[in-house]
Structures are given as C-alpha cells and as structure tokens.
PDB file of N, CA and C in Angstrom:
ATOM      1  N   MET A   1      -9.015   5.886   6.259  1.00  0.00           N
ATOM      2  CA  MET A   1      -9.629   6.106   7.550  1.00  0.00           C
ATOM      3  C   MET A   1      -9.713   4.768   8.285  1.00  0.00           C
ATOM      4  N   ASP A   2      -9.435   4.758   9.553  1.00  0.00           N
ATOM      5  CA  ASP A   2      -9.453   3.555  10.373  1.00  0.00           C
ATOM      6  C   ASP A   2     -10.837   3.403  11.016  1.00  0.00           C
ATOM      7  N   PHE A   3     -11.511   2.297  10.749  1.00  0.00           N
ATOM      8  CA  PHE A   3     -12.858   2.079  11.261  1.00  0.00           C
ATOM      9  C   PHE A   3     -12.899   1.037  12.375  1.00  0.00           C
ATOM     10  N   ILE A   4     -11.765   0.765  13.003  1.00  0.00           N
ATOM     11  CA  ILE A   4     -11.689  -0.277  14.023  1.00  0.00           C
ATOM     12  C   ILE A   4     -12.542   0.064  15.245  1.00  0.00           C
ATOM     13  N   ASP A   5     -12.542   1.299  15.692  1.00  0.00           N
ATOM     14  CA  ASP A   5     -13.255   1.680  16.905  1.00  0.00           C
ATOM     15  C   ASP A   5     -14.697   2.127  16.668  1.00  0.00           C
ATOM     16  N   ILE A   6     -15.204   1.923  15.480  1.00  0.00           N
ATOM     17  CA  ILE A   6     -16.566   2.327  15.157  1.00  0.00           C
ATOM     18  C   ILE A   6     -17.547   1.304  15.737  1.00  0.00           C
ATOM     19  N   ARG A   7     -18.617   1.796  16.335  1.00  0.00           N
ATOM     20  CA  ARG A   7     -19.668   0.912  16.814  1.00  0.00           C
ATOM     21  C   ARG A   7     -20.689   0.748  15.693  1.00  0.00           C
ATOM     22  N   TRP A   8     -20.668  -0.393  15.031  1.00  0.00           N
ATOM     23  CA  TRP A   8     -21.541  -0.672  13.903  1.00  0.00           C
ATOM     24  C   TRP A   8     -22.859  -1.247  14.405  1.00  0.00           C
ATOM     25  N   ARG A   9     -23.972  -0.870  13.735  1.00  0.00           N
ATOM     26  CA  ARG A   9     -25.304  -1.356  14.099  1.00  0.00           C
ATOM     27  C   ARG A   9     -25.978  -1.931  12.855  1.00  0.00           C
ATOM     28  N   LYS A  10     -26.681  -3.033  13.058  1.00  0.00           N
ATOM     29  CA  LYS A  10     -27.451  -3.652  11.979  1.00  0.00           C
ATOM     30  C   LYS A  10     -28.930  -3.537  12.337  1.00  0.00           C
ATOM     31  N   SER A  11     -29.755  -3.357  11.351  1.00  0.00           N
ATOM     32  CA  SER A  11     -31.188  -3.204  11.571  1.00  0.00           C
ATOM     33  C   SER A  11     -31.766  -4.402  12.321  1.00  0.00           C
ATOM     34  N   THR A  12     -32.704  -4.123  13.215  1.00  0.00           N
ATOM     35  CA  THR A  12     -33.392  -5.202  13.922  1.00  0.00           C
ATOM     36  C   THR A  12     -34.306  -5.976  12.971  1.00  0.00           C
ATOM     37  N   PHE A  13     -34.577  -5.417  11.791  1.00  0.00           N
ATOM     38  CA  PHE A  13     -35.385  -6.105  10.793  1.00  0.00           C
ATOM     39  C   PHE A  13     -34.564  -7.118   9.997  1.00  0.00           C
ATOM     40  N   SER A  14     -33.249  -7.090  10.141  1.00  0.00           N
ATOM     41  CA  SER A  14     -32.395  -8.041   9.443  1.00  0.00           C
ATOM     42  C   SER A  14     -32.535  -9.405  10.111  1.00  0.00           C
ATOM     43  N   GLY A  15     -32.789 -10.392   9.314  1.00  0.00           N
ATOM     44  CA  GLY A  15     -32.922 -11.737   9.856  1.00  0.00           C
ATOM     45  C   GLY A  15     -31.553 -12.344  10.134  1.00  0.00           C
ATOM     46  N   GLY A  16     -31.546 -13.465  10.785  1.00  0.00           N
ATOM     47  CA  GLY A  16     -30.305 -14.165  11.092  1.00  0.00           C
ATOM     48  C   GLY A  16     -29.876 -15.113   9.999  1.00  0.00           C
ATOM     49  N   ASN A  17     -30.462 -14.978   8.809  1.00  0.00           N
ATOM     50  CA  ASN A  17     -30.174 -15.923   7.728  1.00  0.00           C
ATOM     51  C   ASN A  17     -29.058 -15.477   6.797  1.00  0.00           C
ATOM     52  N   GLY A  18     -28.339 -14.416   7.150  1.00  0.00           N
ATOM     53  CA  GLY A  18     -27.221 -13.974   6.322  1.00  0.00           C
ATOM     54  C   GLY A  18     -27.636 -13.316   5.028  1.00  0.00           C
ATOM     55  N   GLY A  19     -28.780 -12.693   4.999  1.00  0.00           N
ATOM     56  CA  GLY A  19     -29.287 -12.044   3.789  1.00  0.00           C
ATOM     57  C   GLY A  19     -28.534 -10.776   3.438  1.00  0.00           C
ATOM     58  N   ASN A  20     -29.136  -9.972   2.607  1.00  0.00           N
ATOM     59  CA  ASN A  20     -28.544  -8.718   2.157  1.00  0.00           C
ATOM     60  C   ASN A  20     -28.751  -7.654   3.233  1.00  0.00           C
ATOM     61  N   CYS A  21     -27.738  -7.398   4.016  1.00  0.00           N
ATOM     62  CA  CYS A  21     -27.838  -6.453   5.121  1.00  0.00           C
ATOM     63  C   CYS A  21     -26.719  -5.421   5.046  1.00  0.00           C
ATOM     64  N   ILE A  22     -26.997  -4.291   5.645  1.00  0.00           N
ATOM     65  CA  ILE A  22     -25.962  -3.283   5.817  1.00  0.00           C
ATOM     66  C   ILE A  22     -25.831  -2.973   7.295  1.00  0.00           C
ATOM     67  N   GLU A  23     -24.728  -2.369   7.642  1.00  0.00           N
ATOM     68  CA  GLU A  23     -24.507  -1.875   8.993  1.00  0.00           C
ATOM     69  C   GLU A  23     -24.199  -0.396   8.888  1.00  0.00           C
ATOM     70  N   VAL A  24     -24.584   0.347   9.906  1.00  0.00           N
ATOM     71  CA  VAL A  24     -24.280   1.770   9.940  1.00  0.00           C
ATOM     72  C   VAL A  24     -23.520   2.089  11.220  1.00  0.00           C
ATOM     73  N   GLY A  25     -22.702   3.102  11.128  1.00  0.00           N
ATOM     74  CA  GLY A  25     -21.948   3.600  12.269  1.00  0.00           C
ATOM     75  C   GLY A  25     -21.804   5.097  12.115  1.00  0.00           C
ATOM     76  N   ASP A  26     -21.187   5.728  13.094  1.00  0.00           N
ATOM     77  CA  ASP A  26     -20.945   7.161  12.939  1.00  0.00           C
ATOM     78  C   ASP A  26     -19.517   7.484  13.336  1.00  0.00           C
ATOM     79  N   HIS A  27     -19.003   8.512  12.676  1.00  0.00           N
ATOM     80  CA  HIS A  27     -17.624   8.928  12.910  1.00  0.00           C
ATOM     81  C   HIS A  27     -17.501  10.390  12.510  1.00  0.00           C
ATOM     82  N   GLY A  28     -17.176  11.220  13.453  1.00  0.00           N
ATOM     83  CA  GLY A  28     -16.942  12.629  13.150  1.00  0.00           C
ATOM     84  C   GLY A  28     -18.134  13.340  12.546  1.00  0.00           C
ATOM     85  N   GLY A  29     -19.340  12.987  12.986  1.00  0.00           N
ATOM     86  CA  GLY A  29     -20.525  13.650  12.459  1.00  0.00           C
ATOM     87  C   GLY A  29     -20.976  13.148  11.109  1.00  0.00           C
ATOM     88  N   ARG A  30     -20.429  12.045  10.643  1.00  0.00           N
ATOM     89  CA  ARG A  30     -20.822  11.446   9.357  1.00  0.00           C
ATOM     90  C   ARG A  30     -21.406  10.067   9.615  1.00  0.00           C
ATOM     91  N   VAL A  31     -22.300   9.634   8.751  1.00  0.00           N
ATOM     92  CA  VAL A  31     -22.879   8.299   8.832  1.00  0.00           C
ATOM     93  C   VAL A  31     -22.067   7.389   7.913  1.00  0.00           C
ATOM     94  N   LEU A  32     -21.639   6.258   8.448  1.00  0.00           N
ATOM     95  CA  LEU A  32     -20.861   5.276   7.698  1.00  0.00           C
ATOM     96  C   LEU A  32     -21.761   4.088   7.386  1.00  0.00           C
ATOM     97  N   VAL A  33     -21.660   3.551   6.185  1.00  0.00           N
ATOM     98  CA  VAL A  33     -22.490   2.430   5.760  1.00  0.00           C
ATOM     99  C   VAL A  33     -21.581   1.384   5.128  1.00  0.00           C
ATOM    100  N   ARG A  34     -21.776   0.119   5.540  1.00  0.00           N
ATOM    101  CA  ARG A  34     -20.976  -0.971   4.943  1.00  0.00           C
ATOM    102  C   ARG A  34     -21.839  -2.214   4.770  1.00  0.00           C
ATOM    103  N   ASP A  35     -21.377  -3.106   3.932  1.00  0.00           N
ATOM    104  CA  ASP A  35     -22.034  -4.382   3.659  1.00  0.00           C
ATOM    105  C   ASP A  35     -21.610  -5.380   4.729  1.00  0.00           C
ATOM    106  N   THR A  36     -22.574  -6.052   5.351  1.00  0.00           N
ATOM    107  CA  THR A  36     -22.225  -7.010   6.405  1.00  0.00           C
ATOM    108  C   THR A  36     -21.454  -8.214   5.871  1.00  0.00           C
ATOM    109  N   LYS A  37     -21.607  -8.502   4.582  1.00  0.00           N
ATOM    110  CA  LYS A  37     -20.881  -9.633   4.009  1.00  0.00           C
ATOM    111  C   LYS A  37     -19.453  -9.277   3.603  1.00  0.00           C
ATOM    112  N   ASP A  38     -19.122  -7.999   3.602  1.00  0.00           N
ATOM    113  CA  ASP A  38     -17.788  -7.550   3.194  1.00  0.00           C
ATOM    114  C   ASP A  38     -17.322  -6.448   4.150  1.00  0.00           C
ATOM    115  N   ARG A  39     -17.142  -6.800   5.394  1.00  0.00           N
ATOM    116  CA  ARG A  39     -16.803  -5.818   6.424  1.00  0.00           C
ATOM    117  C   ARG A  39     -15.438  -5.164   6.226  1.00  0.00           C
ATOM    118  N   GLU A  40     -14.595  -5.774   5.445  1.00  0.00           N
ATOM    119  CA  GLU A  40     -13.287  -5.190   5.152  1.00  0.00           C
ATOM    120  C   GLU A  40     -13.332  -4.375   3.860  1.00  0.00           C
ATOM    121  N   GLY A  41     -14.478  -4.365   3.202  1.00  0.00           N
ATOM    122  CA  GLY A  41     -14.628  -3.685   1.925  1.00  0.00           C
ATOM    123  C   GLY A  41     -14.868  -2.194   2.081  1.00  0.00           C
ATOM    124  N   PRO A  42     -15.353  -1.575   1.027  1.00  0.00           N
ATOM    125  CA  PRO A  42     -15.549  -0.121   1.030  1.00  0.00           C
ATOM    126  C   PRO A  42     -16.621   0.316   2.017  1.00  0.00           C
ATOM    127  N   VAL A  43     -16.484   1.544   2.480  1.00  0.00           N
ATOM    128  CA  VAL A  43     -17.438   2.157   3.401  1.00  0.00           C
ATOM    129  C   VAL A  43     -17.955   3.439   2.765  1.00  0.00           C
ATOM    130  N   LEU A  44     -19.263   3.550   2.677  1.00  0.00           N
ATOM    131  CA  LEU A  44     -19.908   4.747   2.154  1.00  0.00           C
ATOM    132  C   LEU A  44     -20.048   5.743   3.297  1.00  0.00           C
ATOM    133  N   THR A  45     -19.715   6.996   3.057  1.00  0.00           N
ATOM    134  CA  THR A  45     -19.816   8.049   4.064  1.00  0.00           C
ATOM    135  C   THR A  45     -20.785   9.111   3.570  1.00  0.00           C
ATOM    136  N   VAL A  46     -21.816   9.388   4.380  1.00  0.00           N
ATOM    137  CA  VAL A  46     -22.827  10.377   3.994  1.00  0.00           C
ATOM    138  C   VAL A  46     -23.131  11.286   5.179  1.00  0.00           C
ATOM    139  N   SER A  47     -23.753  12.405   4.890  1.00  0.00           N
ATOM    140  CA  SER A  47     -24.152  13.318   5.957  1.00  0.00           C
ATOM    141  C   SER A  47     -25.362  12.733   6.692  1.00  0.00           C
ATOM    142  N   PRO A  48     -25.557  13.115   7.945  1.00  0.00           N
ATOM    143  CA  PRO A  48     -26.743  12.649   8.669  1.00  0.00           C
ATOM    144  C   PRO A  48     -28.047  13.042   7.955  1.00  0.00           C
ATOM    145  N   ALA A  49     -28.090  14.233   7.359  1.00  0.00           N
ATOM    146  CA  ALA A  49     -29.297  14.668   6.653  1.00  0.00           C
ATOM    147  C   ALA A  49     -29.579  13.765   5.451  1.00  0.00           C
ATOM    148  N   ALA A  50     -28.550  13.422   4.704  1.00  0.00           N
ATOM    149  CA  ALA A  50     -28.722  12.540   3.546  1.00  0.00           C
ATOM    150  C   ALA A  50     -29.180  11.155   3.992  1.00  0.00           C
ATOM    151  N   TRP A  51     -28.634  10.661   5.095  1.00  0.00           N
ATOM    152  CA  TRP A  51     -29.030   9.349   5.613  1.00  0.00           C
ATOM    153  C   TRP A  51     -30.496   9.356   6.053  1.00  0.00           C
ATOM    154  N   ARG A  52     -30.915  10.408   6.752  1.00  0.00           N
ATOM    155  CA  ARG A  52     -32.310  10.498   7.186  1.00  0.00           C
ATOM    156  C   ARG A  52     -33.257  10.522   5.986  1.00  0.00           C
ATOM    157  N   LYS A  53     -32.893  11.266   4.953  1.00  0.00           N
ATOM    158  CA  LYS A  53     -33.712  11.344   3.746  1.00  0.00           C
ATOM    159  C   LYS A  53     -33.805   9.976   3.068  1.00  0.00           C
ATOM    160  N   PHE A  54     -32.679   9.304   2.939  1.00  0.00           N
ATOM    161  CA  PHE A  54     -32.639   7.965   2.345  1.00  0.00           C
ATOM    162  C   PHE A  54     -33.491   6.987   3.161  1.00  0.00           C
ATOM    163  N   ALA A  55     -33.292   6.967   4.471  1.00  0.00           N
ATOM    164  CA  ALA A  55     -34.033   6.037   5.342  1.00  0.00           C
ATOM    165  C   ALA A  55     -35.526   6.302   5.283  1.00  0.00           C
ATOM    166  N   ALA A  56     -35.932   7.554   5.241  1.00  0.00           N
ATOM    167  CA  ALA A  56     -37.348   7.886   5.167  1.00  0.00           C
ATOM    168  C   ALA A  56     -37.961   7.363   3.873  1.00  0.00           C
ATOM    169  N   LYS A  57     -37.237   7.477   2.770  1.00  0.00           N
ATOM    170  CA  LYS A  57     -37.738   6.977   1.479  1.00  0.00           C
ATOM    171  C   LYS A  57     -37.818   5.454   1.480  1.00  0.00           C
ATOM    172  N   VAL A  58     -36.847   4.804   2.077  1.00  0.00           N
ATOM    173  CA  VAL A  58     -36.889   3.335   2.154  1.00  0.00           C
ATOM    174  C   VAL A  58     -38.089   2.907   2.990  1.00  0.00           C
ATOM    175  N   LYS A  59     -38.284   3.549   4.130  1.00  0.00           N
ATOM    176  CA  LYS A  59     -39.415   3.207   4.997  1.00  0.00           C
ATOM    177  C   LYS A  59     -40.745   3.445   4.316  1.00  0.00           C
ATOM    178  N   ALA A  60     -40.803   4.445   3.458  1.00  0.00           N
ATOM    179  CA  ALA A  60     -42.036   4.769   2.741  1.00  0.00           C
ATOM    180  C   ALA A  60     -42.249   3.864   1.533  1.00  0.00           C
ATOM    181  N   GLY A  61     -41.253   3.026   1.222  1.00  0.00           N
ATOM    182  CA  GLY A  61     -41.381   2.108   0.099  1.00  0.00           C
ATOM    183  C   GLY A  61     -41.071   2.727  -1.245  1.00  0.00           C
ATOM    184  N   ALA A  62     -40.275   3.768  -1.267  1.00  0.00           N
ATOM    185  CA  ALA A  62     -39.928   4.434  -2.518  1.00  0.00           C
ATOM    186  C   ALA A  62     -39.155   3.482  -3.427  1.00  0.00           C
ATOM    187  N   ARG A  63     -39.464   3.524  -4.711  1.00  0.00           N
ATOM    188  CA  ARG A  63     -38.750   2.695  -5.684  1.00  0.00           C
ATOM    189  C   ARG A  63     -37.482   3.366  -6.169  1.00  0.00           C
ATOM    190  N   SER A  64     -37.415   4.674  -6.098  1.00  0.00           N
ATOM    191  CA  SER A  64     -36.241   5.412  -6.540  1.00  0.00           C
ATOM    192  C   SER A  64     -35.829   6.360  -5.424  1.00  0.00           C
ATOM    193  N   VAL A  65     -34.600   6.186  -4.920  1.00  0.00           N
ATOM    194  CA  VAL A  65     -34.141   7.045  -3.825  1.00  0.00           C
ATOM    195  C   VAL A  65     -33.019   7.931  -4.229  1.00  0.00           C
TER     196      VAL A  65
END
C-alpha cells in the first residue's frame, strides 16, 4: 500500500525532544499507525473502533490494553 498521500498526525502531547512517538493517519476508513523514528518502516492498520478503544484505555492509564 502506498502511504505517500496520507496526512499523518502526531499527538500534541509529544515533545520536541525526539522521544517515543507515533503518528496516525487514515486511509479507506482504516486508522494507520507508524513510528515517527521509522517512517519508512511498517504501518499498523486497525479499525476506527479498535483505535478508539485503545486510545480510551491509554488515556485512562490502563496497564494492559
């Protein structure tokens, strides 16, 4: 899959210090997730429902998602 035209977004909570960050984008109704340090690397593709569930658990401080 070609991800050149994807508009990637990084969390506003990510600092400018090059830490452990991810970026998300969308394509064809799917949520795409990639590592900001390896933008040419693998891309995880999940459903919007799965992404919302994951994000809610992270925001709630869940230890196991």
